[in-house]
Protein backbone atom coordinates (compact mmCIF):
# COMPACT_ATOMS: atom_id res chain seq x y z
CA UNK A 1 65.28 65.55 -51.80
CA UNK A 2 63.19 63.58 -54.28
CA UNK A 3 65.52 60.64 -53.99
CA UNK A 4 65.33 60.72 -50.20
CA UNK A 5 61.52 60.82 -50.36
CA UNK A 6 61.45 57.90 -52.77
CA UNK A 7 63.73 55.89 -50.46
CA UNK A 8 61.43 56.58 -47.53
CA UNK A 9 58.39 55.51 -49.57
CA UNK A 10 60.06 52.31 -50.64
CA UNK A 11 61.09 51.58 -47.04
CA UNK A 12 57.57 52.16 -45.80
CA UNK A 13 56.19 49.94 -48.56
CA UNK A 14 58.68 47.25 -47.63
CA UNK A 15 57.62 47.43 -44.00
CA UNK A 16 53.97 47.32 -45.07
CA UNK A 17 54.60 44.27 -47.25
CA UNK A 18 56.42 42.56 -44.37
CA UNK A 19 53.53 43.40 -42.03
CA UNK A 20 51.01 41.97 -44.48
CA UNK A 21 53.13 38.86 -44.91
CA UNK A 22 53.32 38.50 -41.13
CA UNK A 23 49.57 38.84 -40.84
CA UNK A 24 49.03 36.30 -43.58
CA UNK A 25 51.40 33.89 -41.85
CA UNK A 26 49.59 34.39 -38.54
CA UNK A 27 46.22 33.83 -40.23
CA UNK A 28 47.46 30.66 -41.90
CA UNK A 29 48.85 29.44 -38.56
CA UNK A 30 45.50 30.21 -36.86
CA UNK A 31 43.62 28.35 -39.58
CA UNK A 32 45.91 25.37 -39.26
CA UNK A 33 45.49 25.41 -35.48
CA UNK A 34 41.69 25.65 -35.91
CA UNK A 35 41.71 22.75 -38.34
CA UNK A 36 43.79 20.73 -35.91
CA UNK A 37 41.36 21.51 -33.08
CA UNK A 38 38.36 20.55 -35.21
CA UNK A 39 39.99 17.31 -36.27
CA UNK A 40 40.94 16.62 -32.64
CA UNK A 41 37.34 17.25 -31.52
CA UNK A 42 36.00 14.99 -34.25
CA UNK A 43 38.45 12.28 -33.29
CA UNK A 44 37.50 12.60 -29.62
CA UNK A 45 33.80 12.52 -30.47
CA UNK A 46 34.23 9.44 -32.65
CA UNK A 47 36.33 7.68 -30.04
CA UNK A 48 33.79 8.62 -27.34
CA UNK A 49 30.95 7.28 -29.47
CA UNK A 50 32.78 4.01 -30.09
CA UNK A 51 33.59 3.69 -26.38
CA UNK A 52 29.94 4.37 -25.46
CA UNK A 53 28.69 1.66 -27.85
CA UNK A 54 31.33 -0.71 -26.54
CA UNK A 55 30.18 -0.17 -22.93
CA UNK A 56 26.56 -0.59 -24.00
CA UNK A 57 27.35 -3.84 -25.80
CA UNK A 58 29.31 -5.10 -22.79
CA UNK A 59 26.42 -4.23 -20.48
CA UNK A 60 23.92 -6.03 -22.71
CA UNK A 61 26.21 -9.06 -22.84
CA UNK A 62 26.57 -9.17 -19.06
CA UNK A 63 22.83 -8.79 -18.54
CA UNK A 64 22.18 -11.54 -21.09
CA UNK A 65 24.60 -13.89 -19.32
CA UNK A 66 22.99 -13.09 -15.97
CA UNK A 67 19.52 -13.80 -17.34
CA UNK A 68 20.70 -17.04 -18.95
CA UNK A 69 22.31 -18.26 -15.72
CA UNK A 70 19.18 -17.31 -13.76
CA UNK A 71 16.86 -19.14 -16.13
CA UNK A 72 19.11 -22.18 -16.39
CA UNK A 73 20.13 -22.80 -12.76
CA UNK A 74 18.95 -20.20 -10.22
CA UNK A 75 15.32 -19.99 -11.37
CA UNK A 76 14.55 -23.72 -11.35
CA UNK A 77 16.31 -24.16 -8.00
CA UNK A 78 14.25 -21.41 -6.36
CA UNK A 79 11.05 -22.69 -7.94
CA UNK A 80 11.59 -26.29 -6.84
CA UNK A 81 13.04 -25.64 -3.39
CA UNK A 82 11.38 -22.40 -2.24
CA UNK A 83 8.40 -21.06 -4.17
CA UNK A 84 6.63 -24.27 -5.15
CA UNK A 85 6.58 -25.71 -1.59
CA UNK A 86 5.27 -22.38 -0.25
CA UNK A 87 2.50 -22.26 -2.86
CA UNK A 88 1.51 -25.86 -2.15
CA UNK A 89 1.53 -25.22 1.61
CA UNK A 90 -0.55 -22.07 1.23
CA UNK A 91 -3.18 -23.83 -0.90
CA UNK A 92 -3.44 -26.82 1.45
CA UNK A 93 -3.43 -24.82 4.69
CA UNK A 94 -5.61 -21.78 3.95
CA UNK A 95 -8.84 -21.31 2.09
CA UNK A 96 -9.26 -18.41 -0.32
CA UNK A 97 -11.26 -16.52 2.30
CA UNK A 98 -8.42 -16.74 4.80
CA UNK A 99 -5.88 -15.73 2.15
CA UNK A 100 -8.02 -12.71 1.29
CA UNK A 101 -8.12 -11.66 4.95
CA UNK A 102 -4.34 -12.09 5.27
CA UNK A 103 -3.69 -10.06 2.13
CA UNK A 104 -6.10 -7.35 3.28
CA UNK A 105 -4.48 -7.18 6.71
CA UNK A 106 -0.98 -6.91 5.25
CA UNK A 107 -2.02 -4.18 2.81
CA UNK A 108 -3.70 -2.25 5.62
CA UNK A 109 -0.90 -2.53 8.21
CA UNK A 110 2.41 -2.78 6.35
CA UNK A 111 2.33 0.83 5.04
CA UNK A 112 1.95 2.03 8.64
CA UNK A 113 5.22 0.25 9.45
CA UNK A 114 6.98 1.71 6.37
CA UNK A 115 7.28 -1.80 4.92
CA UNK A 116 6.70 -2.65 1.23
CA UNK A 117 3.34 -4.15 0.35
CA UNK A 118 4.36 -5.57 -3.04
CA UNK A 119 4.69 -9.19 -1.78
CA UNK A 120 1.10 -9.03 -0.50
CA UNK A 121 0.00 -7.87 -3.95
CA UNK A 122 1.89 -10.78 -5.49
CA UNK A 123 -0.03 -13.21 -3.30
CA UNK A 124 -3.29 -11.49 -4.21
CA UNK A 125 -2.54 -11.79 -7.91
CA UNK A 126 -1.28 -15.34 -7.53
CA UNK A 127 -4.45 -16.46 -5.75
CA UNK A 128 -7.25 -14.33 -7.23
CA UNK A 129 -5.99 -13.11 -10.61
CA UNK A 130 -6.66 -9.72 -12.16
CA UNK A 131 -10.35 -9.21 -11.34
CA UNK A 132 -10.84 -10.14 -7.68
CA UNK A 133 -7.18 -9.53 -6.97
CA UNK A 134 -7.43 -5.91 -8.13
CA UNK A 135 -10.56 -5.26 -6.04
CA UNK A 136 -9.00 -6.85 -2.97
CA UNK A 137 -5.79 -4.82 -3.33
CA UNK A 138 -7.66 -1.54 -3.88
CA UNK A 139 -9.82 -2.18 -0.82
CA UNK A 140 -6.81 -3.05 1.36
CA UNK A 141 -4.74 -0.09 0.14
CA UNK A 142 -7.60 2.28 0.96
CA UNK A 143 -7.02 1.46 4.62
CA UNK A 144 -3.25 1.22 4.25
CA UNK A 145 -3.07 4.73 2.78
CA UNK A 146 -5.57 6.28 5.19
CA UNK A 147 -4.08 5.15 8.50
CA UNK A 148 -0.63 6.80 7.97
CA UNK A 149 -2.35 9.99 6.76
CA UNK A 150 -4.29 10.37 10.01
CA UNK A 151 -1.36 9.22 12.16
CA UNK A 152 0.91 11.72 10.41
CA UNK A 153 -1.47 14.56 11.28
CA UNK A 154 -0.48 13.99 14.92
CA UNK A 155 3.25 14.29 14.06
CA UNK A 156 3.13 17.49 12.01
CA UNK A 157 6.05 19.16 13.80
CA UNK A 158 8.47 16.29 13.21
CA UNK A 159 7.35 15.92 9.60
CA UNK A 160 8.04 19.63 8.92
CA UNK A 161 11.57 19.20 10.27
CA UNK A 162 12.04 16.25 7.96
CA UNK A 163 10.83 18.28 4.97
CA UNK A 164 13.26 21.08 5.81
CA UNK A 165 16.15 18.61 5.60
CA UNK A 166 15.04 17.21 2.22
CA UNK A 167 13.95 20.29 0.33
CA UNK A 168 14.25 18.62 -3.08
CA UNK A 169 11.27 16.35 -2.37
CA UNK A 170 9.59 18.88 -0.09
CA UNK A 171 8.84 21.23 -3.00
CA UNK A 172 6.88 18.54 -4.87
CA UNK A 173 5.14 17.30 -1.72
CA UNK A 174 4.03 20.81 -0.70
CA UNK A 175 2.80 21.41 -4.24
CA UNK A 176 0.10 18.79 -3.68
CA UNK A 177 -1.48 20.97 -1.00
CA UNK A 178 -2.08 23.91 -3.33
CA UNK A 179 -4.82 24.62 -5.83
CA UNK A 180 -8.29 23.16 -6.14
CA UNK A 181 -9.52 19.60 -5.63
CA UNK A 182 -8.57 18.43 -9.12
CA UNK A 183 -5.09 19.98 -8.92
CA UNK A 184 -4.38 18.24 -5.63
CA UNK A 185 -5.61 14.90 -6.97
CA UNK A 186 -3.44 15.21 -10.09
CA UNK A 187 -0.28 16.15 -8.17
CA UNK A 188 -0.78 13.30 -5.69
CA UNK A 189 -1.15 10.84 -8.58
CA UNK A 190 2.08 12.15 -10.12
CA UNK A 191 3.88 11.83 -6.79
CA UNK A 192 2.76 8.19 -6.55
CA UNK A 193 4.26 7.57 -9.99
CA UNK A 194 7.47 9.47 -9.22
CA UNK A 195 10.58 8.06 -7.45
CA UNK A 196 9.39 9.49 -4.11
CA UNK A 197 8.92 6.48 -1.74
CA UNK A 198 5.23 5.71 -1.29
CA UNK A 199 5.62 4.52 2.30
CA UNK A 200 7.21 7.82 3.34
CA UNK A 201 4.74 9.98 1.44
CA UNK A 202 1.83 8.38 3.32
CA UNK A 203 3.01 10.26 6.41
CA UNK A 204 4.47 13.34 4.69
CA UNK A 205 1.21 14.18 2.91
CA UNK A 206 -0.54 15.02 6.16
CA UNK A 207 1.97 17.83 6.82
CA UNK A 208 0.68 19.73 3.79
CA UNK A 209 -2.76 21.21 3.20
CA UNK A 210 -3.82 18.43 0.83
CA UNK A 211 -7.32 17.24 1.62
CA UNK A 212 -8.08 13.61 2.41
CA UNK A 213 -10.35 13.05 -0.61
CA UNK A 214 -7.84 14.15 -3.29
CA UNK A 215 -5.06 12.40 -1.38
CA UNK A 216 -6.84 9.03 -1.34
CA UNK A 217 -8.22 9.18 -4.89
CA UNK A 218 -4.97 10.48 -6.38
CA UNK A 219 -2.99 7.83 -4.52
CA UNK A 220 -5.18 4.97 -5.77
CA UNK A 221 -5.10 6.28 -9.36
CA UNK A 222 -1.33 6.78 -9.26
CA UNK A 223 -0.76 3.27 -7.90
CA UNK A 224 -2.84 1.49 -10.56
CA UNK A 225 0.22 0.68 -12.76
CA UNK A 226 2.07 -0.70 -9.74
CA UNK A 227 -0.96 -2.79 -8.75
CA UNK A 228 -1.31 -4.37 -12.19
CA UNK A 229 2.42 -5.05 -12.42
CA UNK A 230 2.34 -6.71 -8.98
CA UNK A 231 -0.67 -8.82 -9.98
CA UNK A 232 1.08 -9.84 -13.18
CA UNK A 233 4.22 -10.72 -11.21
CA UNK A 234 2.19 -12.96 -8.90
CA UNK A 235 0.53 -14.71 -11.83
CA UNK A 236 3.91 -15.14 -13.53
CA UNK A 237 5.41 -16.67 -10.38
CA UNK A 238 2.50 -19.09 -10.14
CA UNK A 239 2.83 -20.01 -13.83
CA UNK A 240 6.57 -20.65 -13.56
CA UNK A 241 6.13 -22.66 -10.36
CA UNK A 242 3.44 -24.83 -11.94
CA UNK A 243 5.54 -25.31 -15.07
CA UNK A 244 8.47 -26.59 -13.01
CA UNK A 245 6.23 -29.10 -11.23
CA UNK A 246 6.01 -32.64 -12.51
CA UNK A 247 2.21 -32.63 -12.22
CA UNK A 248 1.85 -29.98 -14.95
CA UNK A 249 3.01 -30.12 -18.56
CA UNK A 250 5.97 -27.88 -19.47
CA UNK A 251 5.30 -24.47 -21.00
CA UNK A 252 5.21 -24.20 -24.74
CA UNK A 253 7.48 -21.84 -26.66
CA UNK A 254 4.61 -19.47 -27.41
CA UNK A 255 3.68 -19.21 -23.73
CA UNK A 256 7.29 -18.52 -22.79
CA UNK A 257 7.49 -15.74 -25.38
CA UNK A 258 4.23 -14.22 -24.14
CA UNK A 259 5.47 -14.22 -20.54
CA UNK A 260 8.78 -12.62 -21.50
CA UNK A 261 7.02 -9.96 -23.58
CA UNK A 262 4.62 -9.27 -20.73
CA UNK A 263 7.49 -8.83 -18.30
CA UNK A 264 9.30 -6.46 -20.68
CA UNK A 265 6.13 -4.42 -21.23
CA UNK A 266 5.59 -4.19 -17.47
CA UNK A 267 9.13 -2.93 -16.86
CA UNK A 268 8.90 -0.47 -19.77
CA UNK A 269 5.55 0.84 -18.52
CA UNK A 270 6.97 1.42 -15.05
CA UNK A 271 9.98 3.32 -16.42
CA UNK A 272 7.86 5.45 -18.77
CA UNK A 273 5.35 6.34 -16.04
CA UNK A 274 8.15 7.28 -13.65
CA UNK A 275 9.90 9.50 -16.20
CA UNK A 276 6.63 11.16 -17.21
CA UNK A 277 5.63 11.84 -13.60
CA UNK A 278 9.05 13.25 -12.76
CA UNK A 279 8.95 15.64 -15.73
CA UNK A 280 5.38 16.74 -15.04
CA UNK A 281 6.23 17.50 -11.41
CA UNK A 282 9.20 19.54 -12.55
CA UNK A 283 7.00 21.52 -14.98
CA UNK A 284 4.43 22.18 -12.26
CA UNK A 285 7.14 23.37 -9.89
CA UNK A 286 8.52 25.75 -12.52
CA UNK A 287 5.05 27.12 -13.21
CA UNK A 288 4.51 27.66 -9.49
CA UNK A 289 7.82 29.51 -9.19
CA UNK A 290 6.99 31.72 -12.19
CA UNK A 291 3.68 32.66 -10.60
CA UNK A 292 5.32 33.51 -7.28
CA UNK A 293 8.16 35.62 -8.70
CA UNK A 294 6.04 38.80 -9.31
CA UNK A 295 4.66 38.65 -5.76
CA UNK A 296 8.13 38.19 -4.30
CA UNK A 297 9.41 41.15 -6.35
CA UNK A 298 6.52 43.34 -5.17
CA UNK A 299 7.12 42.39 -1.54
CA UNK A 300 10.81 43.23 -1.95
CA UNK A 301 9.98 46.64 -3.41
CA UNK A 302 7.59 47.38 -0.55
CA UNK A 303 10.25 46.42 1.96
CA UNK A 304 12.69 48.87 0.36
């Protein structure tokens, strides 16, 4: 009997040892598989990073070639054949008073027709510079922003249908009609800086409960970066056109560098303002939703 018991114990121990060995083999296989997966992920991440830098370098190269071709051939051709004759004709034909009236009329009427007013701002900057150009543009935009607001108040039903179709922008637009005077002014300024089209918002704003005062002030404040960039663009066009003329001396290297830096700063400012406004609007929408959730829950409980 003792021998039989010892044989059974040894058999059980053998099975236990085999089971342990099997487990150890499985664990080693799992570790090797895990190491292979980690190495594969690292390889993929490294390859993806290299591919991303390669695409970025290729994009920079293509943009550089495009800029070089534009500066070498396209730019001078447009300056000599298109822009310079227009500038000369405008200076010989119209006085500054007439140009101011034309710019004011375009800024007041083009937004009503859903047309961009940036070219009118270019002409204002090209003719009057930063000081008088800024005042003229602000004065003209005051009318150009007001007329669509009052016209849109007569088309409230159609505007509400439009907002129902585009709910992504409707949430931000309706947010401008809530809160006090300062809140409305701030949201309108952020909307002007955001990717929402300004020409469309001129009509859409009247469908909300935003008051006219915060709408106008917030719109003018939010469009200040765009106004200065447009004025700078007009001055830059005039500078380049005069430099390509034979009556003016060519630009020095320092002036070219200053113009390029100014253009880069203008583009960077526009991008930064747009990103900031988009994020701020998203934060305000989330805060509004968090405030409304308890009321919606209470109304649901009352309904039940």
